[in-house]
C-alpha atoms as a PDB file:
ATOM      1  CA  MET A   1      22.006   8.242   6.647  1.00  0.00           C
ATOM      2  CA  THR A   2      20.004   5.024   6.572  1.00  0.00           C
ATOM      3  CA  VAL A   3      16.527   4.998   8.107  1.00  0.00           C
ATOM      4  CA  PHE A   4      14.461   1.914   8.818  1.00  0.00           C
ATOM      5  CA  VAL A   5      10.807   2.069   7.837  1.00  0.00           C
ATOM      6  CA  ALA A   6       8.153  -0.280   9.252  1.00  0.00           C
ATOM      7  CA  CYS A   7       5.355  -0.872   6.730  1.00  0.00           C
ATOM      8  CA  LYS A   8       2.048  -2.713   6.363  1.00  0.00           C
ATOM      9  CA  PHE A   9       0.783  -4.232   3.118  1.00  0.00           C
ATOM     10  CA  ARG A  10      -2.889  -3.732   4.109  1.00  0.00           C
ATOM     11  CA  ALA A  11      -4.468  -1.399   6.632  1.00  0.00           C
ATOM     12  CA  SER A  12      -5.947  -4.400   8.470  1.00  0.00           C
ATOM     13  CA  ASP A  13      -2.529  -6.093   8.892  1.00  0.00           C
ATOM     14  CA  THR A  14      -1.223  -6.384  12.432  1.00  0.00           C
ATOM     15  CA  ARG A  15       2.294  -7.385  11.361  1.00  0.00           C
ATOM     16  CA  THR A  16       4.759  -4.861   9.981  1.00  0.00           C
ATOM     17  CA  TYR A  17       7.767  -5.406   7.733  1.00  0.00           C
ATOM     18  CA  THR A  18      10.896  -3.277   8.026  1.00  0.00           C
ATOM     19  CA  TYR A  19      12.706  -1.844   4.991  1.00  0.00           C
ATOM     20  CA  ALA A  20      15.831   0.300   4.727  1.00  0.00           C
ATOM     21  CA  TYR A  21      16.045   3.645   2.946  1.00  0.00           C
ATOM     22  CA  GLU A  22      19.234   5.488   2.071  1.00  0.00           C
ATOM     23  CA  GLY A  23      18.320   8.792   0.525  1.00  0.00           C
ATOM     24  CA  ASP A  24      17.356  12.392   1.061  1.00  0.00           C
ATOM     25  CA  GLU A  25      13.605  11.871   1.137  1.00  0.00           C
ATOM     26  CA  THR A  26      11.837  11.695   4.505  1.00  0.00           C
ATOM     27  CA  PHE A  27       8.882   9.452   5.257  1.00  0.00           C
ATOM     28  CA  ALA A  28       6.138   9.720   7.867  1.00  0.00           C
ATOM     29  CA  PRO A  29       3.386   7.358   9.033  1.00  0.00           C
ATOM     30  CA  GLY A  30       0.632   7.197   6.433  1.00  0.00           C
ATOM     31  CA  ASP A  31       2.947   7.711   3.431  1.00  0.00           C
ATOM     32  CA  ILE A  32       2.688   5.156   0.629  1.00  0.00           C
ATOM     33  CA  VAL A  33       6.013   3.764  -0.633  1.00  0.00           C
ATOM     34  CA  LYS A  34       7.279   1.160  -3.119  1.00  0.00           C
ATOM     35  CA  VAL A  35       9.029  -2.017  -1.936  1.00  0.00           C
ATOM     36  CA  PRO A  36      10.482  -4.881  -4.018  1.00  0.00           C
ATOM     37  CA  ASP A  37       8.126  -7.658  -5.132  1.00  0.00           C
ATOM     38  CA  ASN A  38       9.048 -10.619  -7.309  1.00  0.00           C
ATOM     39  CA  ARG A  39       5.469 -11.636  -8.125  1.00  0.00           C
ATOM     40  CA  SER A  40       3.995  -8.642  -9.962  1.00  0.00           C
ATOM     41  CA  ASP A  41       5.514  -5.697 -11.814  1.00  0.00           C
ATOM     42  CA  GLY A  42       8.617  -5.570  -9.615  1.00  0.00           C
ATOM     43  CA  TRP A  43       7.231  -3.535  -6.704  1.00  0.00           C
ATOM     44  CA  LYS A  44       4.345  -3.388  -4.263  1.00  0.00           C
ATOM     45  CA  ARG A  45       2.775  -0.400  -2.540  1.00  0.00           C
ATOM     46  CA  VAL A  46       2.819  -0.403   1.269  1.00  0.00           C
ATOM     47  CA  GLU A  47       1.862   2.070   3.987  1.00  0.00           C
ATOM     48  CA  VAL A  48       4.490   3.519   6.320  1.00  0.00           C
ATOM     49  CA  VAL A  49       3.722   2.802   9.980  1.00  0.00           C
ATOM     50  CA  SER A  50       6.873   4.140  11.661  1.00  0.00           C
ATOM     51  CA  VAL A  51      10.389   5.385  10.901  1.00  0.00           C
ATOM     52  CA  SER A  52      13.510   4.792  13.010  1.00  0.00           C
ATOM     53  CA  ASP A  53      17.252   5.283  12.795  1.00  0.00           C
ATOM     54  CA  GLN A  54      17.818   2.140  14.906  1.00  0.00           C
ATOM     55  CA  ALA A  55      18.836  -0.862  12.779  1.00  0.00           C
ATOM     56  CA  PRO A  56      16.870  -4.079  13.411  1.00  0.00           C
ATOM     57  CA  PRO A  57      18.797  -7.322  14.098  1.00  0.00           C
ATOM     58  CA  PHE A  58      18.042  -8.655  10.580  1.00  0.00           C
ATOM     59  CA  PRO A  59      18.833  -7.549   7.020  1.00  0.00           C
ATOM     60  CA  CYS A  60      16.295  -5.267   5.332  1.00  0.00           C
ATOM     61  CA  LYS A  61      15.268  -4.935   1.709  1.00  0.00           C
ATOM     62  CA  PRO A  62      15.341  -1.382   0.324  1.00  0.00           C
ATOM     63  CA  ILE A  63      12.501   1.052  -0.191  1.00  0.00           C
ATOM     64  CA  LEU A  64      12.379   1.888  -3.907  1.00  0.00           C
ATOM     65  CA  GLY A  65      10.719   5.289  -3.508  1.00  0.00           C
ATOM     66  CA  ARG A  66       7.477   7.081  -2.814  1.00  0.00           C
ATOM     67  CA  VAL A  67       4.271   6.217  -4.678  1.00  0.00           C
ATOM     68  CA  GLU A  68       3.133   9.436  -6.315  1.00  0.00           C
ATOM     69  CA  ASP A  69      -0.258   8.402  -7.731  1.00  0.00           C
ATOM     70  CA  VAL A  70      -2.120   7.400  -4.567  1.00  0.00           C
ATOM     71  CA  PRO A  71      -5.911   7.414  -5.050  1.00  0.00           C
ATOM     72  CA  ALA A  72      -7.826   9.250  -2.331  1.00  0.00           C
ATOM     73  CA  GLU A  73     -10.336   6.448  -1.714  1.00  0.00           C
ATOM     74  CA  PRO A  74     -10.969   3.302  -3.731  1.00  0.00           C
ATOM     75  CA  ASP A  75     -14.383   2.916  -5.346  1.00  0.00           C
ATOM     76  CA  VAL A  76     -16.309   0.327  -3.372  1.00  0.00           C
ATOM     77  CA  PHE A  77     -19.483  -1.337  -4.619  1.00  0.00           C
ATOM     78  CA  GLN A  78     -21.735  -1.929  -1.643  1.00  0.00           C
ATOM     79  CA  ALA A  79     -23.716  -5.179  -1.479  1.00  0.00           C
ATOM     80  CA  ASN A  80     -26.998  -3.293  -1.088  1.00  0.00           C
ATOM     81  CA  ASP A  81     -26.359  -1.096  -4.167  1.00  0.00           C
ATOM     82  CA  THR A  82     -28.362  -2.470  -7.075  1.00  0.00           C
ATOM     83  CA  PRO A  83     -27.390  -1.118 -10.485  1.00  0.00           C
ATOM     84  CA  ILE A  84     -30.302  -0.272 -12.756  1.00  0.00           C
ATOM     85  CA  ASP A  85     -30.062  -0.461 -16.532  1.00  0.00           C
ATOM     86  CA  ARG A  86     -30.742   2.492 -18.845  1.00  0.00           C
ATOM     87  CA  ASP A  87     -34.447   1.652 -19.206  1.00  0.00           C
ATOM     88  CA  GLY A  88     -34.971   1.733 -15.449  1.00  0.00           C
ATOM     89  CA  LEU A  89     -35.408  -2.047 -15.187  1.00  0.00           C
ATOM     90  CA  ASP A  90     -33.615  -4.328 -12.800  1.00  0.00           C
ATOM     91  CA  PRO A  91     -30.460  -5.850 -14.289  1.00  0.00           C
ATOM     92  CA  VAL A  92     -30.522  -9.316 -15.787  1.00  0.00           C
ATOM     93  CA  VAL A  93     -28.355 -11.757 -13.865  1.00  0.00           C
ATOM     94  CA  GLN A  94     -26.939 -14.658 -15.854  1.00  0.00           C
ATOM     95  CA  PHE A  95     -25.853 -17.896 -14.226  1.00  0.00           C
END
């Protein structure tokens, strides 16, 4: 049975894109899946927003599978974090 999966490329996106999946695996909102991408290594990771069995009125690209190696949280360098070198001195900034 084909299911239709609405996905977002970034969490801040308001627009979703719908992909088709024909397989035994089930998806739920929050899952990370692979979709085709011609610009990078052949696929892009997206977040599942919703799943439906109702076909949209347009053709859908396929979901390639689930992303297995999802990091828990990305490392983020905060603007107020100042790295200090090994000698305890402020870092040298080159322009």
